[in-house]
Amino acid sequence: MKMVFKGFLAKIKKPIIGLAPMDGITDAPFRHMICKYSKPSFVMTEFVNVEGLARGAKKMLPAFLYGKIERPIIAQLFGTEPISFYKCAVFLCALGFDGIDINMGCPVRKVESKGGGAGLIKNPKLAVEIIRAVKKGVDDWVNGISLKDACVHENIICEAIAKGMMKENIGMLNRQMIPVSVKTRTGCDKVIAEDWVKILLEEKPAMIAMHGRTLKQLYSGRADWEVLAKAGRVVKESKVGTLFLGNGDIKSIREAKEKIKKYGVDGVLVGRAVFGNPWFFAGKEPTIHERIKVLNEHLEYFERLGCFHFDKIKKHFSWYFKGFDGAKKIRIELLMTKNPEEAKKVIVEAVKVIKKIKPAGV
């Protein structure tokens, strides 16, 4: 049986501990701060809808902004149209991403009810067609197809060039093969993890990352790592060469390493545990003073990029400002601000309060 193409994943240092994709959170400023203060094995973008992007929705492009510090970086897509996945795959290759991931795990109603995200678990035939379409897009890119011939929307091409995300002379781009992966769940209404990964393995993705809950569970209860271990064994015994990563309820680097060893997976993805802590992948718990310093840097980088609505950063205020007397009052004041300038003024006043707190811990 022919082995899968893993690209950078074949050379990645183990244990593999990556940053999970999170809608509304893993944007360029957030990933930048994570990679500046600790270094995950790789990072993933927020997921982007292929149908919108394929039809020229320029407003989706900021999700694919990234800097060198974030490499290796994987772009994540969701949707239901194989042809749109194909076009977007060619486009993402032109943007220089290190990999492409297909979201087959999002439990949000407006996504899965239309057949995307975790809804694809209910439609294995379409799921296989989508993997095939993305891999064909990558293959065609390597073999020299132009963005025009791949029917990538002109609006998207022009906007990417204008934003400096892609060279105007496509001929100067490095046409290299990149790995295609899948992020999914253990099932929909019931656990079918072992049978489900067998279906995904038909198209030999470079990596399968599985969240230890079903679609029905959303994020309630506990992630089932015993189920993940069984699915991982199926992947390993297939001898295809696909990597298998677990995901769910990891709260520390120590726990991540313990789960990798205990459940025999190739690695893990970490999500919510990194909120307010860019040092997570270095195994460090920051002090209040360090968190506020990083918040200022986060806000400055967010403002410098200038392509995200201010409300997008507000959730981070609550994650950075916590663990000390008066934190709630400051959070409320920050959430009421309307722009970066107002937020900076609140932070300046907050620092005066924080300076009175000994930097011994949180």
Protein backbone atom coordinates (compact mmCIF):
# COMPACT_ATOMS: atom_id res chain seq x y z
CA MET A 1 0.00 0.00 0.00
CA LYS A 2 1.33 3.42 -0.96
CA MET A 3 2.29 5.55 2.05
CA VAL A 4 0.81 9.02 2.57
CA PHE A 5 2.70 12.24 1.89
CA LYS A 6 3.33 13.93 5.25
CA GLY A 7 5.42 16.93 4.23
CA PHE A 8 6.66 18.86 7.27
CA LEU A 9 4.78 16.41 9.51
CA ALA A 10 7.31 13.71 8.64
CA LYS A 11 10.13 15.78 10.14
CA ILE A 12 8.30 17.27 13.08
CA LYS A 13 9.83 16.78 16.51
CA LYS A 14 7.90 14.49 18.83
CA PRO A 15 5.86 14.57 20.96
CA ILE A 16 3.56 16.47 18.59
CA ILE A 17 1.63 19.14 20.50
CA GLY A 18 -0.16 21.52 18.18
CA LEU A 19 -2.47 24.51 18.52
CA ALA A 20 -6.03 23.50 17.65
CA PRO A 21 -8.06 25.64 15.24
CA MET A 22 -10.72 27.68 17.04
CA ASP A 23 -13.29 29.82 15.29
CA GLY A 24 -13.09 33.47 16.31
CA ILE A 25 -9.89 32.88 18.27
CA THR A 26 -6.90 31.51 16.32
CA ASP A 27 -6.45 34.59 14.15
CA ALA A 28 -3.08 36.06 13.14
CA PRO A 29 -2.55 38.25 16.26
CA PHE A 30 -3.37 35.37 18.62
CA ARG A 31 -1.14 32.89 16.77
CA HIS A 32 1.67 35.46 16.67
CA MET A 33 1.63 35.84 20.45
CA ILE A 34 1.51 32.08 21.00
CA CYS A 35 4.49 31.50 18.70
CA LYS A 36 6.48 34.41 20.15
CA TYR A 37 6.35 33.15 23.72
CA SER A 38 6.18 29.40 23.24
CA LYS A 39 6.33 27.18 20.19
CA PRO A 40 3.70 24.55 19.38
CA SER A 41 4.55 21.83 16.89
CA PHE A 42 2.33 23.68 14.43
CA VAL A 43 -0.60 26.10 14.43
CA MET A 44 -3.91 26.11 12.56
CA THR A 45 -5.98 29.01 11.27
CA GLU A 46 -9.63 29.57 12.03
CA PHE A 47 -11.81 27.63 9.64
CA VAL A 48 -12.97 29.39 6.47
CA ASN A 49 -16.00 28.57 4.34
CA VAL A 50 -14.96 27.26 0.91
CA GLU A 51 -18.18 28.23 -0.83
CA GLY A 52 -17.81 31.88 0.18
CA LEU A 53 -14.12 32.01 -0.69
CA ALA A 54 -14.63 30.27 -4.03
CA ARG A 55 -17.28 32.85 -4.92
CA GLY A 56 -14.99 35.81 -4.22
CA ALA A 57 -15.76 36.79 -0.61
CA LYS A 58 -12.75 39.03 0.06
CA LYS A 59 -13.76 39.58 3.70
CA MET A 60 -12.63 36.02 4.46
CA LEU A 61 -8.99 36.63 3.49
CA PRO A 62 -7.76 38.05 6.84
CA ALA A 63 -8.21 34.55 8.31
CA PHE A 64 -5.29 33.49 6.11
CA LEU A 65 -2.86 36.23 7.14
CA TYR A 66 0.23 34.82 8.80
CA GLY A 67 3.86 35.64 9.54
CA LYS A 68 7.04 33.57 9.36
CA ILE A 69 7.08 33.15 13.14
CA GLU A 70 3.90 31.06 12.87
CA ARG A 71 5.38 28.34 10.66
CA PRO A 72 4.60 25.53 10.29
CA ILE A 73 1.04 26.71 9.73
CA ILE A 74 -1.97 24.75 8.46
CA ALA A 75 -4.97 26.46 6.86
CA GLN A 76 -8.36 25.01 7.77
CA LEU A 77 -11.42 24.90 5.50
CA PHE A 78 -15.05 23.86 5.92
CA GLY A 79 -17.99 23.42 3.60
CA THR A 80 -19.70 20.84 1.41
CA GLU A 81 -18.79 21.51 -2.24
CA PRO A 82 -15.84 19.44 -3.51
CA ILE A 83 -15.25 21.85 -6.42
CA SER A 84 -14.98 24.77 -4.00
CA PHE A 85 -12.57 22.80 -1.82
CA TYR A 86 -10.51 22.16 -4.95
CA LYS A 87 -10.30 25.86 -5.88
CA CYS A 88 -9.45 26.88 -2.33
CA ALA A 89 -6.75 24.20 -2.08
CA VAL A 90 -4.98 25.60 -5.14
CA PHE A 91 -5.30 29.11 -3.71
CA LEU A 92 -3.91 28.10 -0.30
CA CYS A 93 -0.93 26.50 -2.00
CA ALA A 94 -0.30 29.84 -3.71
CA LEU A 95 -0.42 31.54 -0.30
CA GLY A 96 2.42 29.29 0.86
CA PHE A 97 0.73 27.35 3.64
CA ASP A 98 2.51 24.31 5.05
CA GLY A 99 -0.64 22.18 5.04
CA ILE A 100 -4.41 22.16 4.52
CA ASP A 101 -6.87 20.74 7.05
CA ILE A 102 -10.50 19.85 6.35
CA ASN A 103 -12.92 20.54 9.20
CA MET A 104 -15.20 17.55 9.77
CA GLY A 105 -15.77 18.24 13.45
CA CYS A 106 -17.41 21.64 14.00
CA PRO A 107 -20.61 21.04 16.03
CA VAL A 108 -22.10 24.51 15.52
CA ARG A 109 -25.69 24.14 14.32
CA LYS A 110 -25.45 26.56 11.40
CA VAL A 111 -22.45 24.61 10.05
CA GLU A 112 -23.40 20.97 10.63
CA SER A 113 -27.07 21.45 9.67
CA LYS A 114 -25.92 22.39 6.17
CA GLY A 115 -23.79 19.25 5.99
CA GLY A 116 -20.44 20.85 6.83
CA GLY A 117 -18.18 20.35 9.84
CA ALA A 118 -19.30 17.37 11.92
CA GLY A 119 -22.23 17.00 9.53
CA LEU A 120 -19.85 15.26 7.13
CA ILE A 121 -19.67 12.31 9.52
CA LYS A 122 -23.24 11.58 8.41
CA ASN A 123 -22.19 11.69 4.76
CA PRO A 124 -19.04 9.57 4.34
CA LYS A 125 -19.29 9.53 0.55
CA LEU A 126 -19.11 13.33 0.41
CA ALA A 127 -16.35 13.40 3.05
CA VAL A 128 -14.19 11.13 0.87
CA GLU A 129 -14.93 13.23 -2.22
CA ILE A 130 -13.82 16.37 -0.38
CA ILE A 131 -10.50 14.86 0.73
CA ARG A 132 -9.95 13.72 -2.84
CA ALA A 133 -10.74 17.21 -4.19
CA VAL A 134 -8.29 18.92 -1.83
CA LYS A 135 -5.51 16.45 -2.63
CA LYS A 136 -6.15 16.95 -6.35
CA GLY A 137 -5.91 20.71 -5.86
CA VAL A 138 -2.52 20.30 -4.22
CA ASP A 139 -1.34 17.88 -6.94
CA ASP A 140 -2.49 20.20 -9.73
CA TRP A 141 -0.72 23.13 -8.08
CA VAL A 142 2.55 21.18 -7.91
CA ASN A 143 2.11 20.21 -11.56
CA GLY A 144 1.87 23.83 -12.65
CA ILE A 145 -1.82 24.77 -12.88
CA SER A 146 -2.50 28.51 -12.89
CA LEU A 147 -4.96 30.11 -10.48
CA LYS A 148 -7.00 31.19 -13.48
CA ASP A 149 -7.17 27.65 -14.88
CA ALA A 150 -8.13 26.38 -11.43
CA CYS A 151 -11.01 28.92 -11.55
CA VAL A 152 -9.87 30.72 -8.39
CA HIS A 153 -11.98 33.88 -8.17
CA GLU A 154 -10.25 36.99 -9.53
CA ASN A 155 -11.41 39.07 -6.55
CA ILE A 156 -9.57 36.76 -4.18
CA ILE A 157 -6.39 36.77 -6.24
CA CYS A 158 -6.29 40.56 -6.56
CA GLU A 159 -7.04 41.10 -2.88
CA ALA A 160 -4.34 38.63 -1.78
CA ILE A 161 -1.78 40.40 -3.96
CA ALA A 162 -2.89 43.83 -2.71
CA LYS A 163 -2.51 42.70 0.92
CA GLY A 164 0.97 41.30 0.23
CA MET A 165 -0.20 37.75 0.93
CA MET A 166 0.93 36.45 -2.45
CA LYS A 167 3.45 37.42 -5.13
CA GLU A 168 1.98 39.10 -8.20
CA ASN A 169 4.24 36.95 -10.36
CA ILE A 170 2.84 33.47 -9.68
CA GLY A 171 5.81 31.98 -11.51
CA MET A 172 8.05 33.01 -8.61
CA LEU A 173 6.15 30.85 -6.15
CA ASN A 174 7.56 27.59 -4.85
CA ARG A 175 5.27 24.83 -6.07
CA GLN A 176 5.78 22.26 -3.36
CA MET A 177 3.57 19.40 -2.22
CA ILE A 178 1.87 20.00 1.12
CA PRO A 179 0.03 17.53 3.40
CA VAL A 180 -3.77 17.30 3.60
CA SER A 181 -5.34 16.43 6.96
CA VAL A 182 -8.73 16.07 8.65
CA LYS A 183 -10.01 17.24 12.03
CA THR A 184 -13.12 15.44 13.19
CA ARG A 185 -15.09 13.92 16.11
CA THR A 186 -15.86 10.45 17.43
CA GLY A 187 -19.31 10.39 15.83
CA CYS A 188 -22.64 12.22 15.61
CA ASP A 189 -25.38 10.74 17.82
CA LYS A 190 -23.22 7.80 18.85
CA VAL A 191 -19.54 6.82 18.88
CA ILE A 192 -18.36 5.35 15.57
CA ALA A 193 -14.73 6.45 15.81
CA GLU A 194 -13.12 3.21 14.64
CA ASP A 195 -15.37 2.75 11.61
CA TRP A 196 -15.16 6.45 10.79
CA VAL A 197 -11.36 6.57 10.65
CA LYS A 198 -11.39 3.51 8.37
CA ILE A 199 -13.46 5.52 5.89
CA LEU A 200 -11.14 8.54 6.13
CA LEU A 201 -8.11 6.32 5.62
CA GLU A 202 -9.42 5.36 2.17
CA GLU A 203 -8.06 8.69 0.91
CA LYS A 204 -4.86 8.51 2.98
CA PRO A 205 -4.84 11.90 4.73
CA ALA A 206 -1.48 12.86 6.21
CA MET A 207 -3.05 13.30 9.64
CA ILE A 208 -6.34 12.75 11.41
CA ALA A 209 -7.01 14.80 14.54
CA MET A 210 -10.02 13.63 16.53
CA HIS A 211 -11.90 15.42 19.29
CA GLY A 212 -12.99 12.98 21.98
CA ARG A 213 -16.68 13.92 21.87
CA THR A 214 -19.54 13.28 19.48
CA LEU A 215 -21.44 16.01 17.64
CA LYS A 216 -24.37 15.54 20.03
CA GLN A 217 -22.14 16.16 23.06
CA LEU A 218 -20.87 19.51 21.74
CA TYR A 219 -18.38 20.44 24.50
CA SER A 220 -20.25 18.92 27.44
CA GLY A 221 -19.05 16.04 29.56
CA ARG A 222 -15.50 14.74 29.31
CA ALA A 223 -13.55 13.88 26.18
CA ASP A 224 -13.32 10.09 25.86
CA TRP A 225 -9.65 9.25 25.47
CA GLU A 226 -10.28 5.51 25.57
CA VAL A 227 -12.26 5.90 22.34
CA LEU A 228 -9.45 8.01 20.88
CA ALA A 229 -6.95 5.29 21.77
CA LYS A 230 -9.01 2.69 19.91
CA ALA A 231 -9.33 4.91 16.83
CA GLY A 232 -5.60 5.59 16.97
CA ARG A 233 -4.86 1.87 16.97
CA VAL A 234 -6.99 1.42 13.84
CA VAL A 235 -5.00 4.14 12.10
CA LYS A 236 -1.67 2.66 13.19
CA GLU A 237 -2.62 -0.90 12.23
CA SER A 238 -3.68 0.26 8.76
CA LYS A 239 0.03 0.86 8.04
CA VAL A 240 -0.98 3.69 5.69
CA GLY A 241 1.31 6.10 7.54
CA THR A 242 -1.38 8.57 8.63
CA LEU A 243 -0.63 10.35 11.91
CA PHE A 244 -3.34 10.30 14.59
CA LEU A 245 -3.77 13.13 17.11
CA GLY A 246 -6.18 13.31 20.05
CA ASN A 247 -7.97 16.44 21.21
CA GLY A 248 -10.04 17.39 24.22
CA ASP A 249 -9.72 18.62 27.84
CA ILE A 250 -5.92 18.95 27.93
CA LYS A 251 -5.00 21.53 30.57
CA SER A 252 -1.19 21.46 30.64
CA ILE A 253 1.87 20.38 28.70
CA ARG A 254 2.49 17.71 31.30
CA GLU A 255 -1.01 16.31 30.75
CA ALA A 256 -0.53 16.45 26.97
CA LYS A 257 2.61 14.32 27.19
CA GLU A 258 0.97 11.91 29.62
CA LYS A 259 -1.99 11.38 27.29
CA ILE A 260 0.26 10.81 24.28
CA LYS A 261 2.12 8.12 26.20
CA LYS A 262 -0.89 6.54 27.92
CA TYR A 263 -3.19 6.37 24.89
CA GLY A 264 -0.58 5.65 22.22
CA VAL A 265 -1.47 8.57 19.93
CA ASP A 266 1.10 10.39 17.79
CA GLY A 267 0.28 13.71 19.38
CA VAL A 268 -2.42 16.08 20.58
CA LEU A 269 -4.06 19.37 19.74
CA VAL A 270 -4.63 21.89 22.53
CA GLY A 271 -7.40 24.47 22.49
CA ARG A 272 -9.01 26.31 25.39
CA ALA A 273 -6.12 25.79 27.81
CA VAL A 274 -4.04 28.38 25.94
CA PHE A 275 -6.48 31.25 26.51
CA GLY A 276 -4.64 34.13 28.17
CA ASN A 277 -1.41 32.14 28.31
CA PRO A 278 0.91 32.42 25.27
CA TRP A 279 3.53 30.55 27.36
CA PHE A 280 1.43 27.38 27.43
CA PHE A 281 3.60 25.36 25.04
CA ALA A 282 6.67 26.21 27.11
CA GLY A 283 4.95 24.80 30.20
CA LYS A 284 4.88 28.13 31.99
CA GLU A 285 2.09 29.74 34.03
CA PRO A 286 2.47 33.54 33.64
CA THR A 287 2.18 36.10 36.40
CA ILE A 288 -0.38 38.91 36.27
CA HIS A 289 2.36 41.33 35.28
CA GLU A 290 3.49 39.13 32.38
CA ARG A 291 -0.06 38.69 31.12
CA ILE A 292 -0.66 42.44 31.01
CA LYS A 293 2.63 43.02 29.19
CA VAL A 294 1.62 40.47 26.56
CA LEU A 295 -1.88 41.91 26.29
CA ASN A 296 -0.34 45.26 25.33
CA GLU A 297 1.77 43.54 22.67
CA HIS A 298 -1.24 41.57 21.45
CA LEU A 299 -3.29 44.77 21.15
CA GLU A 300 -0.49 46.58 19.32
CA TYR A 301 -0.03 43.77 16.79
CA PHE A 302 -3.81 43.52 16.32
CA GLU A 303 -3.94 47.25 15.62
CA ARG A 304 -0.93 47.12 13.29
CA LEU A 305 -2.55 44.51 11.05
CA GLY A 306 -5.60 46.76 10.80
CA CYS A 307 -7.94 44.26 9.17
CA PHE A 308 -9.97 42.90 12.09
CA HIS A 309 -12.99 44.45 13.80
CA PHE A 310 -12.09 45.66 17.31
CA ASP A 311 -14.72 43.43 18.94
CA LYS A 312 -12.70 40.40 17.81
CA ILE A 313 -10.01 41.02 20.42
CA LYS A 314 -12.33 41.74 23.33
CA LYS A 315 -12.68 38.11 24.41
CA HIS A 316 -8.93 38.07 25.04
CA PHE A 317 -9.24 40.90 27.59
CA SER A 318 -11.14 38.59 29.92
CA TRP A 319 -8.56 35.83 29.55
CA TYR A 320 -5.59 38.09 30.25
CA PHE A 321 -7.20 39.99 33.14
CA LYS A 322 -7.96 37.37 35.76
CA GLY A 323 -6.74 36.03 39.09
CA PHE A 324 -6.44 39.19 41.18
CA ASP A 325 -8.62 41.51 43.24
CA GLY A 326 -10.28 44.08 40.99
CA ALA A 327 -9.89 41.99 37.82
CA LYS A 328 -13.64 41.81 37.17
CA LYS A 329 -14.03 45.60 37.28
CA ILE A 330 -11.19 46.04 34.79
CA ARG A 331 -12.63 43.38 32.48
CA ILE A 332 -15.99 45.14 32.43
CA GLU A 333 -14.34 48.47 31.62
CA LEU A 334 -12.33 46.89 28.81
CA LEU A 335 -15.39 45.21 27.32
CA MET A 336 -17.10 48.59 27.16
CA THR A 337 -14.31 50.19 25.11
CA LYS A 338 -14.94 50.95 21.45
CA ASN A 339 -11.43 51.07 20.00
CA PRO A 340 -7.77 50.28 20.81
CA GLU A 341 -7.11 53.80 22.11
CA GLU A 342 -9.83 53.51 24.75
CA ALA A 343 -8.60 50.03 25.69
CA LYS A 344 -5.04 51.29 26.14
CA LYS A 345 -6.23 53.99 28.55
CA VAL A 346 -8.04 51.41 30.65
CA ILE A 347 -4.95 49.20 30.66
CA VAL A 348 -2.74 52.10 31.80
CA GLU A 349 -5.04 52.67 34.78
CA ALA A 350 -5.19 48.94 35.42
CA VAL A 351 -1.40 48.72 35.56
CA LYS A 352 -1.40 51.19 38.46
CA VAL A 353 -3.58 48.75 40.39
CA ILE A 354 -1.55 45.74 39.35
CA LYS A 355 1.75 47.34 40.38
CA LYS A 356 0.56 47.12 43.96
CA ILE A 357 0.33 43.35 43.60
CA LYS A 358 3.49 41.38 44.25
CA PRO A 359 4.62 39.55 41.06
CA ALA A 360 4.78 36.24 42.90
CA GLY A 361 2.04 34.53 40.94
CA VAL A 362 -1.55 34.59 39.80
